[in-house]
């Protein structure tokens, strides 16, 4: 599913942007501090729905 996503996807969580290239390094993003758990769940749900 991730391979089919466009770079502009994930442009919602915590005001941050992600794509399938940096998806696995998003936990290092400083704009996600304090809401990492919520973001992970939201992204997981987003991927499942796609």
PDB file of N, CA and C in Angstrom:
ATOM      1  N   UNK A   1       0.831  -1.206   0.000  1.00  0.00           N
ATOM      2  CA  UNK A   1       0.000   0.000   0.000  1.00  0.00           C
ATOM      3  C   UNK A   1       0.866   1.257   0.000  1.00  0.00           C
ATOM      4  N   UNK A   2       1.928   1.236   0.809  1.00  0.00           N
ATOM      5  CA  UNK A   2       2.798   2.406   0.915  1.00  0.00           C
ATOM      6  C   UNK A   2       3.403   2.762  -0.442  1.00  0.00           C
ATOM      7  N   UNK A   3       3.721   1.760  -1.235  1.00  0.00           N
ATOM      8  CA  UNK A   3       4.361   2.006  -2.526  1.00  0.00           C
ATOM      9  C   UNK A   3       3.452   2.789  -3.455  1.00  0.00           C
ATOM     10  N   UNK A   4       2.139   2.715  -3.223  1.00  0.00           N
ATOM     11  CA  UNK A   4       1.203   3.403  -4.094  1.00  0.00           C
ATOM     12  C   UNK A   4       0.875   4.821  -3.654  1.00  0.00           C
ATOM     13  N   UNK A   5       1.417   5.231  -2.507  1.00  0.00           N
ATOM     14  CA  UNK A   5       1.107   6.565  -1.994  1.00  0.00           C
ATOM     15  C   UNK A   5       1.903   7.637  -2.729  1.00  0.00           C
ATOM     16  N   UNK A   6       1.314   8.802  -2.853  1.00  0.00           N
ATOM     17  CA  UNK A   6       2.012   9.924  -3.473  1.00  0.00           C
ATOM     18  C   UNK A   6       2.732  10.747  -2.404  1.00  0.00           C
ATOM     19  N   UNK A   7       3.768  11.452  -2.775  1.00  0.00           N
ATOM     20  CA  UNK A   7       4.542  12.236  -1.794  1.00  0.00           C
ATOM     21  C   UNK A   7       3.696  13.234  -1.021  1.00  0.00           C
ATOM     22  N   UNK A   8       2.648  13.780  -1.640  1.00  0.00           N
ATOM     23  CA  UNK A   8       1.838  14.768  -0.946  1.00  0.00           C
ATOM     24  C   UNK A   8       0.920  14.153   0.103  1.00  0.00           C
ATOM     25  N   UNK A   9       0.854  12.834   0.145  1.00  0.00           N
ATOM     26  CA  UNK A   9       0.043  12.179   1.179  1.00  0.00           C
ATOM     27  C   UNK A   9       0.715  12.341   2.540  1.00  0.00           C
ATOM     28  N   UNK A  10      -0.015  12.035   3.595  1.00  0.00           N
ATOM     29  CA  UNK A  10       0.471  12.178   4.974  1.00  0.00           C
ATOM     30  C   UNK A  10       0.641  13.632   5.348  1.00  0.00           C
ATOM     31  N   UNK A  11       0.090  14.539   4.568  1.00  0.00           N
ATOM     32  CA  UNK A  11       0.322  15.952   4.798  1.00  0.00           C
ATOM     33  C   UNK A  11      -0.670  16.492   5.828  1.00  0.00           C
ATOM     34  N   UNK A  12      -0.860  15.766   6.922  1.00  0.00           N
ATOM     35  CA  UNK A  12      -1.878  16.151   7.875  1.00  0.00           C
ATOM     36  C   UNK A  12      -1.415  16.058   9.307  1.00  0.00           C
ATOM     37  N   UNK A  13      -0.703  15.008   9.649  1.00  0.00           N
ATOM     38  CA  UNK A  13      -0.437  14.697  11.045  1.00  0.00           C
ATOM     39  C   UNK A  13       0.522  15.688  11.690  1.00  0.00           C
ATOM     40  N   UNK A  14       0.048  16.382  12.710  1.00  0.00           N
ATOM     41  CA  UNK A  14       0.902  17.287  13.469  1.00  0.00           C
ATOM     42  C   UNK A  14       1.480  18.411  12.636  1.00  0.00           C
ATOM     43  N   UNK A  15       0.869  18.713  11.507  1.00  0.00           N
ATOM     44  CA  UNK A  15       1.392  19.771  10.659  1.00  0.00           C
ATOM     45  C   UNK A  15       2.668  19.377   9.945  1.00  0.00           C
ATOM     46  N   UNK A  16       3.001  18.098  10.001  1.00  0.00           N
ATOM     47  CA  UNK A  16       4.225  17.614   9.367  1.00  0.00           C
ATOM     48  C   UNK A  16       3.881  16.943   8.039  1.00  0.00           C
ATOM     49  N   UNK A  17       4.901  16.715   7.229  1.00  0.00           N
ATOM     50  CA  UNK A  17       4.673  16.024   5.963  1.00  0.00           C
ATOM     51  C   UNK A  17       5.532  14.771   5.905  1.00  0.00           C
ATOM     52  N   UNK A  18       5.008  13.750   5.282  1.00  0.00           N
ATOM     53  CA  UNK A  18       5.735  12.489   5.143  1.00  0.00           C
ATOM     54  C   UNK A  18       5.480  11.914   3.762  1.00  0.00           C
ATOM     55  N   UNK A  19       6.345  11.037   3.346  1.00  0.00           N
ATOM     56  CA  UNK A  19       6.094  10.275   2.140  1.00  0.00           C
ATOM     57  C   UNK A  19       6.628   8.872   2.369  1.00  0.00           C
ATOM     58  N   UNK A  20       6.493   8.003   1.374  1.00  0.00           N
ATOM     59  CA  UNK A  20       6.908   6.616   1.561  1.00  0.00           C
ATOM     60  C   UNK A  20       8.420   6.483   1.686  1.00  0.00           C
ATOM     61  N   UNK A  21       9.174   7.550   1.397  1.00  0.00           N
ATOM     62  CA  UNK A  21      10.633   7.468   1.504  1.00  0.00           C
ATOM     63  C   UNK A  21      11.103   7.713   2.930  1.00  0.00           C
ATOM     64  N   UNK A  22      10.493   8.672   3.643  1.00  0.00           N
ATOM     65  CA  UNK A  22      10.954   8.971   4.994  1.00  0.00           C
ATOM     66  C   UNK A  22       9.977   8.459   6.042  1.00  0.00           C
ATOM     67  N   UNK A  23       9.058   7.608   5.640  1.00  0.00           N
ATOM     68  CA  UNK A  23       8.027   7.109   6.559  1.00  0.00           C
ATOM     69  C   UNK A  23       8.637   6.479   7.795  1.00  0.00           C
ATOM     70  N   UNK A  24       9.721   5.709   7.611  1.00  0.00           N
ATOM     71  CA  UNK A  24      10.278   4.977   8.743  1.00  0.00           C
ATOM     72  C   UNK A  24      11.222   5.821   9.591  1.00  0.00           C
ATOM     73  N   UNK A  25      11.411   7.076   9.229  1.00  0.00           N
ATOM     74  CA  UNK A  25      12.256   7.948  10.045  1.00  0.00           C
ATOM     75  C   UNK A  25      11.450   9.096  10.641  1.00  0.00           C
ATOM     76  N   UNK A  26      10.116   9.044  10.498  1.00  0.00           N
ATOM     77  CA  UNK A  26       9.282  10.151  10.963  1.00  0.00           C
ATOM     78  C   UNK A  26       9.347  10.325  12.474  1.00  0.00           C
ATOM     79  N   UNK A  27       9.709   9.271  13.208  1.00  0.00           N
ATOM     80  CA  UNK A  27       9.744   9.390  14.663  1.00  0.00           C
ATOM     81  C   UNK A  27      10.836  10.357  15.116  1.00  0.00           C
ATOM     82  N   UNK A  28      11.791  10.668  14.254  1.00  0.00           N
ATOM     83  CA  UNK A  28      12.849  11.600  14.624  1.00  0.00           C
ATOM     84  C   UNK A  28      12.447  13.041  14.361  1.00  0.00           C
ATOM     85  N   UNK A  29      11.293  13.228  13.754  1.00  0.00           N
ATOM     86  CA  UNK A  29      10.873  14.576  13.400  1.00  0.00           C
ATOM     87  C   UNK A  29      10.534  15.383  14.653  1.00  0.00           C
ATOM     88  N   UNK A  30      11.202  16.518  14.884  1.00  0.00           N
ATOM     89  CA  UNK A  30      10.973  17.307  16.106  1.00  0.00           C
ATOM     90  C   UNK A  30       9.550  17.843  16.232  1.00  0.00           C
ATOM     91  N   UNK A  31       8.844  18.009  15.105  1.00  0.00           N
ATOM     92  CA  UNK A  31       7.494  18.558  15.201  1.00  0.00           C
ATOM     93  C   UNK A  31       6.506  17.518  15.699  1.00  0.00           C
ATOM     94  N   UNK A  32       6.971  16.286  15.950  1.00  0.00           N
ATOM     95  CA  UNK A  32       6.073  15.248  16.455  1.00  0.00           C
ATOM     96  C   UNK A  32       6.281  14.959  17.930  1.00  0.00           C
ATOM     97  N   UNK A  33       7.181  15.677  18.574  1.00  0.00           N
ATOM     98  CA  UNK A  33       7.447  15.402  19.989  1.00  0.00           C
ATOM     99  C   UNK A  33       6.190  15.595  20.815  1.00  0.00           C
ATOM    100  N   UNK A  34       5.896  14.625  21.654  1.00  0.00           N
ATOM    101  CA  UNK A  34       4.737  14.730  22.533  1.00  0.00           C
ATOM    102  C   UNK A  34       3.461  14.186  21.923  1.00  0.00           C
ATOM    103  N   UNK A  35       3.467  13.891  20.643  1.00  0.00           N
ATOM    104  CA  UNK A  35       2.255  13.345  20.026  1.00  0.00           C
ATOM    105  C   UNK A  35       2.598  12.196  19.094  1.00  0.00           C
ATOM    106  N   UNK A  36       3.741  11.572  19.337  1.00  0.00           N
ATOM    107  CA  UNK A  36       4.184  10.479  18.480  1.00  0.00           C
ATOM    108  C   UNK A  36       3.185   9.335  18.461  1.00  0.00           C
ATOM    109  N   UNK A  37       2.712   8.936  19.653  1.00  0.00           N
ATOM    110  CA  UNK A  37       1.778   7.822  19.724  1.00  0.00           C
ATOM    111  C   UNK A  37       0.511   8.069  18.914  1.00  0.00           C
ATOM    112  N   UNK A  38      -0.044   9.266  19.063  1.00  0.00           N
ATOM    113  CA  UNK A  38      -1.265   9.605  18.330  1.00  0.00           C
ATOM    114  C   UNK A  38      -1.004   9.588  16.828  1.00  0.00           C
ATOM    115  N   UNK A  39       0.152  10.084  16.417  1.00  0.00           N
ATOM    116  CA  UNK A  39       0.484  10.138  14.994  1.00  0.00           C
ATOM    117  C   UNK A  39       0.655   8.745  14.419  1.00  0.00           C
ATOM    118  N   UNK A  40       1.329   7.876  15.168  1.00  0.00           N
ATOM    119  CA  UNK A  40       1.527   6.511  14.698  1.00  0.00           C
ATOM    120  C   UNK A  40       0.188   5.833  14.458  1.00  0.00           C
ATOM    121  N   UNK A  41      -0.734   5.986  15.391  1.00  0.00           N
ATOM    122  CA  UNK A  41      -2.049   5.366  15.238  1.00  0.00           C
ATOM    123  C   UNK A  41      -2.794   5.948  14.049  1.00  0.00           C
ATOM    124  N   UNK A  42      -2.716   7.260  13.882  1.00  0.00           N
ATOM    125  CA  UNK A  42      -3.409   7.901  12.772  1.00  0.00           C
ATOM    126  C   UNK A  42      -2.832   7.460  11.438  1.00  0.00           C
ATOM    127  N   UNK A  43      -1.505   7.372  11.353  1.00  0.00           N
ATOM    128  CA  UNK A  43      -0.869   6.956  10.108  1.00  0.00           C
ATOM    129  C   UNK A  43      -1.204   5.504   9.809  1.00  0.00           C
ATOM    130  N   UNK A  44      -1.205   4.664  10.845  1.00  0.00           N
ATOM    131  CA  UNK A  44      -1.537   3.250  10.643  1.00  0.00           C
ATOM    132  C   UNK A  44      -2.960   3.116  10.111  1.00  0.00           C
ATOM    133  N   UNK A  45      -3.887   3.886  10.683  1.00  0.00           N
ATOM    134  CA  UNK A  45      -5.276   3.840  10.230  1.00  0.00           C
ATOM    135  C   UNK A  45      -5.371   4.353   8.793  1.00  0.00           C
ATOM    136  N   UNK A  46      -4.608   5.396   8.487  1.00  0.00           N
ATOM    137  CA  UNK A  46      -4.625   5.967   7.140  1.00  0.00           C
ATOM    138  C   UNK A  46      -4.145   4.936   6.117  1.00  0.00           C
ATOM    139  N   UNK A  47      -3.066   4.242   6.458  1.00  0.00           N
ATOM    140  CA  UNK A  47      -2.515   3.238   5.539  1.00  0.00           C
ATOM    141  C   UNK A  47      -3.507   2.096   5.333  1.00  0.00           C
ATOM    142  N   UNK A  48      -4.135   1.662   6.415  1.00  0.00           N
ATOM    143  CA  UNK A  48      -5.106   0.569   6.304  1.00  0.00           C
ATOM    144  C   UNK A  48      -6.280   0.973   5.414  1.00  0.00           C
ATOM    145  N   UNK A  49      -6.720   2.220   5.568  1.00  0.00           N
ATOM    146  CA  UNK A  49      -7.860   2.685   4.773  1.00  0.00           C
ATOM    147  C   UNK A  49      -7.504   2.845   3.300  1.00  0.00           C
ATOM    148  N   UNK A  50      -6.228   3.030   3.014  1.00  0.00           N
ATOM    149  CA  UNK A  50      -5.817   3.152   1.620  1.00  0.00           C
ATOM    150  C   UNK A  50      -5.708   1.770   0.983  1.00  0.00           C
TER     151      UNK A  50
END
